[in-house]
Amino acid sequence: MIEAIAIDDELPALSIIENFCARLDFINLQKTFNQPTEALKYLKKFPVDLLFLDVNMPSLNGIDLYKSVQQETMVIFTTAYSEFAVEGFNLNAVDYLLKPFTFKRFLQASEKAQDYYAYQLQKQKTEAQYLFIRADYSLVKIDIKNILYIEGYDDYLKIHIEDQRPVITRMTIKNILEKLPENNFIRIHRSYVIPLDKVTSLRNKMVSVGEIKLPLGNSFEENFLKRFNK
């Protein structure tokens, strides 16, 4: 189910979107807003998957509003002015509905959002499960879920792996962080990266990953605690 809100300064336009969404079984229209600033406040607390967003609003332009949304959210722009279409598509809008639009045209735009939403979910499920690292003049395949921690030494790394000899490769910590799933791996020290799901305890600024204890650096402490406490 796609969670959505609609933003338009005209109440009749919001009623139409509300009516059309009620006829779809894959979009849940949580709320409608005729005040863009109220919508922004809502989005900060309750992120959604999709915005139905009017472009030409007197208090805040819809394109500027979308640019200010902090989380990644799909958008279908709605407006009576076709000249905004190009800028809308430059922002990777799912679609652009020119008022007055029919239910058939609304359905077409909504199905595009549904297809993109399904694609994004599938992409998340199939995100990299393996790393291919060049070591000993060959490519070594490493199962990401088996990584215990990564140790950095200037321009090379030692990747410690469960039930396996460490893999040593010429690479920086910055480089390997770009290849790892950012939702799980975190840097805790200038020399160490760990998977959050393998952390067993934190005591006296020492992070335990199973039986291994690693130091928590001062400059990395705040970010680690924020994510660890979640």
Protein backbone atom coordinates (compact mmCIF):
# COMPACT_ATOMS: atom_id res chain seq x y z
CA MET A 1 0.00 0.00 0.00
CA ILE A 2 1.36 3.42 -1.00
CA GLU A 3 0.94 6.01 1.75
CA ALA A 4 0.13 9.45 0.32
CA ILE A 5 -1.00 12.99 1.08
CA ALA A 6 -2.41 15.68 -1.22
CA ILE A 7 -1.51 19.37 -1.12
CA ASP A 8 -3.52 22.00 -2.99
CA ASP A 9 -4.72 25.47 -2.00
CA GLU A 10 -8.08 24.78 -3.68
CA LEU A 11 -10.48 22.63 -1.65
CA PRO A 12 -12.47 21.34 -4.68
CA ALA A 13 -9.21 20.01 -6.20
CA LEU A 14 -8.46 18.16 -2.97
CA SER A 15 -11.96 16.66 -2.97
CA ILE A 16 -11.40 15.28 -6.47
CA ILE A 17 -8.10 13.64 -5.46
CA GLU A 18 -9.72 12.26 -2.33
CA ASN A 19 -12.56 10.80 -4.38
CA PHE A 20 -10.22 9.29 -6.98
CA CYS A 21 -7.90 7.77 -4.35
CA ALA A 22 -10.90 6.15 -2.65
CA ARG A 23 -11.47 4.23 -5.89
CA LEU A 24 -7.94 2.74 -5.82
CA ASP A 25 -6.94 -0.23 -3.69
CA PHE A 26 -3.19 0.52 -3.69
CA ILE A 27 -3.09 4.11 -2.41
CA ASN A 28 -3.97 5.17 1.11
CA LEU A 29 -4.54 8.94 1.14
CA GLN A 30 -3.72 9.80 4.76
CA LYS A 31 -4.60 13.50 4.73
CA THR A 32 -5.18 16.50 2.51
CA PHE A 33 -3.75 19.98 3.06
CA ASN A 34 -4.72 23.36 1.63
CA GLN A 35 -1.91 25.04 3.61
CA PRO A 36 1.54 23.99 2.28
CA THR A 37 3.33 24.94 5.50
CA GLU A 38 1.04 22.59 7.48
CA ALA A 39 1.86 19.81 5.03
CA LEU A 40 5.59 20.34 5.55
CA LYS A 41 5.16 20.12 9.33
CA TYR A 42 3.23 16.88 8.88
CA LEU A 43 5.89 15.39 6.58
CA LYS A 44 8.63 16.03 9.11
CA LYS A 45 6.78 13.82 11.61
CA PHE A 46 5.08 11.38 9.24
CA PRO A 47 7.00 10.70 6.00
CA VAL A 48 4.90 9.30 3.16
CA ASP A 49 5.63 7.49 -0.10
CA LEU A 50 3.79 9.82 -2.49
CA LEU A 51 2.69 13.45 -2.77
CA PHE A 52 -0.11 14.76 -4.97
CA LEU A 53 1.17 18.31 -5.16
CA ASP A 54 -0.27 21.43 -6.77
CA VAL A 55 2.39 23.64 -8.34
CA ASN A 56 0.83 27.09 -8.38
CA MET A 57 -0.03 27.94 -4.77
CA PRO A 58 0.14 31.54 -3.53
CA SER A 59 1.84 30.92 -0.16
CA LEU A 60 4.46 28.41 -1.38
CA ASN A 61 5.24 27.16 -4.88
CA GLY A 62 4.75 23.39 -5.09
CA ILE A 63 8.11 22.84 -6.79
CA ASP A 64 9.90 24.74 -4.01
CA LEU A 65 7.94 22.76 -1.44
CA TYR A 66 9.02 19.46 -3.01
CA LYS A 67 12.66 20.58 -3.06
CA SER A 68 12.45 21.24 0.68
CA VAL A 69 11.12 17.76 1.56
CA GLN A 70 14.00 16.02 3.31
CA GLN A 71 13.09 12.38 2.73
CA GLU A 72 12.92 10.65 -0.64
CA THR A 73 9.29 10.83 -1.74
CA MET A 74 7.54 10.26 -5.06
CA VAL A 75 5.56 13.19 -6.43
CA ILE A 76 2.73 13.65 -8.93
CA PHE A 77 2.37 17.33 -9.73
CA THR A 78 -1.08 18.76 -10.41
CA THR A 79 -1.66 22.19 -11.94
CA ALA A 80 -3.67 24.16 -14.46
CA TYR A 81 -0.47 25.60 -16.00
CA SER A 82 1.36 23.40 -18.50
CA GLU A 83 4.50 25.58 -18.49
CA PHE A 84 5.53 23.98 -15.18
CA ALA A 85 5.75 20.50 -16.71
CA VAL A 86 9.41 20.68 -17.76
CA GLU A 87 10.63 21.75 -14.34
CA GLY A 88 8.46 19.07 -12.75
CA PHE A 89 10.07 16.33 -14.81
CA ASN A 90 13.53 17.77 -14.08
CA LEU A 91 12.76 16.89 -10.45
CA ASN A 92 12.07 13.27 -11.47
CA ALA A 93 8.34 13.59 -10.89
CA VAL A 94 6.42 10.37 -11.41
CA ASP A 95 3.90 12.24 -13.56
CA TYR A 96 2.29 15.61 -14.23
CA LEU A 97 -1.50 16.01 -14.20
CA LEU A 98 -2.92 19.00 -16.04
CA LYS A 99 -6.18 20.21 -14.50
CA PRO A 100 -8.95 19.33 -15.05
CA PHE A 101 -7.94 15.65 -15.27
CA THR A 102 -10.15 12.60 -15.62
CA PHE A 103 -10.11 9.53 -13.39
CA LYS A 104 -8.59 7.59 -16.29
CA ARG A 105 -5.64 10.01 -16.44
CA PHE A 106 -5.34 9.99 -12.63
CA LEU A 107 -5.27 6.19 -12.66
CA GLN A 108 -2.54 6.20 -15.29
CA ALA A 109 -0.36 8.49 -13.14
CA SER A 110 -1.07 6.49 -9.99
CA GLU A 111 -0.15 3.22 -11.68
CA LYS A 112 3.20 4.74 -12.66
CA ALA A 113 3.77 5.48 -8.97
CA GLN A 114 2.74 1.92 -8.11
CA ASP A 115 5.23 0.48 -10.63
CA TYR A 116 8.06 2.69 -9.35
CA TYR A 117 7.22 1.85 -5.73
CA ALA A 118 7.34 -1.88 -6.51
CA TYR A 119 10.66 -1.40 -8.30
CA GLN A 120 12.14 0.43 -5.28
CA LEU A 121 10.98 -2.33 -2.89
CA GLN A 122 12.50 -5.01 -5.10
CA LYS A 123 15.73 -3.05 -5.37
CA GLN A 124 15.98 -2.86 -1.56
CA LYS A 125 15.43 -6.60 -1.24
CA THR A 126 18.12 -7.43 -3.77
CA GLU A 127 20.71 -4.91 -2.61
CA ALA A 128 24.26 -6.21 -2.67
CA GLN A 129 24.61 -9.38 -0.59
CA TYR A 130 28.21 -9.89 -1.63
CA LEU A 131 31.38 -7.88 -2.04
CA PHE A 132 33.94 -8.60 -4.70
CA ILE A 133 37.33 -7.52 -3.39
CA ARG A 134 40.62 -7.60 -5.25
CA ALA A 135 43.17 -9.42 -3.10
CA ASP A 136 46.21 -11.58 -3.91
CA TYR A 137 45.91 -10.68 -7.62
CA SER A 138 42.39 -12.06 -7.88
CA LEU A 139 38.78 -11.20 -7.05
CA VAL A 140 37.54 -12.58 -3.73
CA LYS A 141 33.80 -12.96 -3.15
CA ILE A 142 32.77 -12.04 0.43
CA ASP A 143 29.33 -12.67 1.87
CA ILE A 144 28.44 -9.34 3.52
CA LYS A 145 26.47 -10.97 6.34
CA ASN A 146 29.64 -12.85 7.44
CA ILE A 147 31.79 -9.74 7.94
CA LEU A 148 32.74 -9.30 11.62
CA TYR A 149 34.61 -6.02 11.32
CA ILE A 150 36.97 -4.14 9.02
CA GLU A 151 40.34 -2.82 10.10
CA GLY A 152 42.01 0.06 8.28
CA TYR A 153 45.75 0.63 7.83
CA ASP A 154 46.31 3.78 5.76
CA ASP A 155 45.85 2.55 2.19
CA TYR A 156 44.88 -1.07 2.83
CA LEU A 157 42.24 -2.97 4.81
CA LYS A 158 41.94 -6.23 6.69
CA ILE A 159 38.42 -7.63 6.42
CA HIS A 160 37.71 -10.03 9.29
CA ILE A 161 35.18 -12.72 8.36
CA GLU A 162 33.41 -15.41 10.37
CA ASP A 163 35.12 -18.84 10.15
CA GLN A 164 37.53 -17.61 7.52
CA ARG A 165 40.97 -16.07 7.22
CA PRO A 166 40.95 -12.25 6.98
CA VAL A 167 41.07 -10.79 3.48
CA ILE A 168 43.67 -8.07 2.95
CA THR A 169 43.13 -5.57 0.15
CA ARG A 170 44.49 -2.23 -1.01
CA MET A 171 41.55 0.06 -0.31
CA THR A 172 40.62 2.86 2.08
CA ILE A 173 37.83 2.78 4.67
CA LYS A 174 36.05 5.52 2.71
CA ASN A 175 36.07 3.34 -0.43
CA ILE A 176 34.68 0.25 1.25
CA LEU A 177 31.93 2.19 3.06
CA GLU A 178 30.63 3.22 -0.36
CA LYS A 179 30.23 -0.47 -1.27
CA LEU A 180 28.59 -1.64 1.98
CA PRO A 181 24.87 -1.32 2.91
CA GLU A 182 24.79 1.97 4.83
CA ASN A 183 21.80 0.85 6.92
CA ASN A 184 23.97 -1.67 8.78
CA PHE A 185 27.66 -0.76 8.59
CA ILE A 186 29.10 2.11 10.61
CA ARG A 187 32.51 3.57 11.30
CA ILE A 188 33.31 3.62 15.02
CA HIS A 189 36.97 4.68 14.88
CA ARG A 190 39.41 6.02 12.32
CA SER A 191 40.59 2.40 11.95
CA TYR A 192 37.39 0.33 12.37
CA VAL A 193 34.08 -0.31 10.60
CA ILE A 194 31.56 -2.75 12.08
CA PRO A 195 28.13 -4.23 11.25
CA LEU A 196 25.58 -2.88 13.74
CA ASP A 197 23.66 -6.15 13.85
CA LYS A 198 26.71 -7.92 15.31
CA VAL A 199 27.23 -5.48 18.21
CA THR A 200 26.63 -7.28 21.52
CA SER A 201 27.50 -4.53 24.01
CA LEU A 202 29.08 -1.15 24.64
CA ARG A 203 31.05 -0.53 27.83
CA ASN A 204 33.71 2.04 28.75
CA LYS A 205 33.89 3.19 25.12
CA MET A 206 34.67 -0.34 23.95
CA VAL A 207 32.32 -1.90 21.40
CA SER A 208 31.93 -5.67 21.58
CA VAL A 209 31.36 -7.58 18.37
CA GLY A 210 30.93 -11.08 19.73
CA GLU A 211 34.12 -11.81 21.64
CA ILE A 212 36.05 -8.99 19.98
CA LYS A 213 36.36 -5.59 21.65
CA LEU A 214 37.05 -2.50 19.54
CA PRO A 215 37.60 1.13 20.62
CA LEU A 216 34.93 3.77 20.00
CA GLY A 217 36.60 6.97 18.77
CA ASN A 218 35.50 10.33 20.22
CA SER A 219 34.56 11.83 16.85
CA PHE A 220 32.42 8.79 15.96
CA GLU A 221 30.71 8.34 19.32
CA GLU A 222 27.66 10.56 18.79
CA ASN A 223 26.67 9.00 15.46
CA PHE A 224 27.25 5.46 16.76
CA LEU A 225 25.13 6.01 19.89
CA LYS A 226 22.32 7.53 17.85
CA ARG A 227 22.14 4.50 15.56
CA PHE A 228 22.91 1.91 18.26
CA ASN A 229 20.08 3.18 20.47
CA LYS A 230 17.62 2.84 17.61
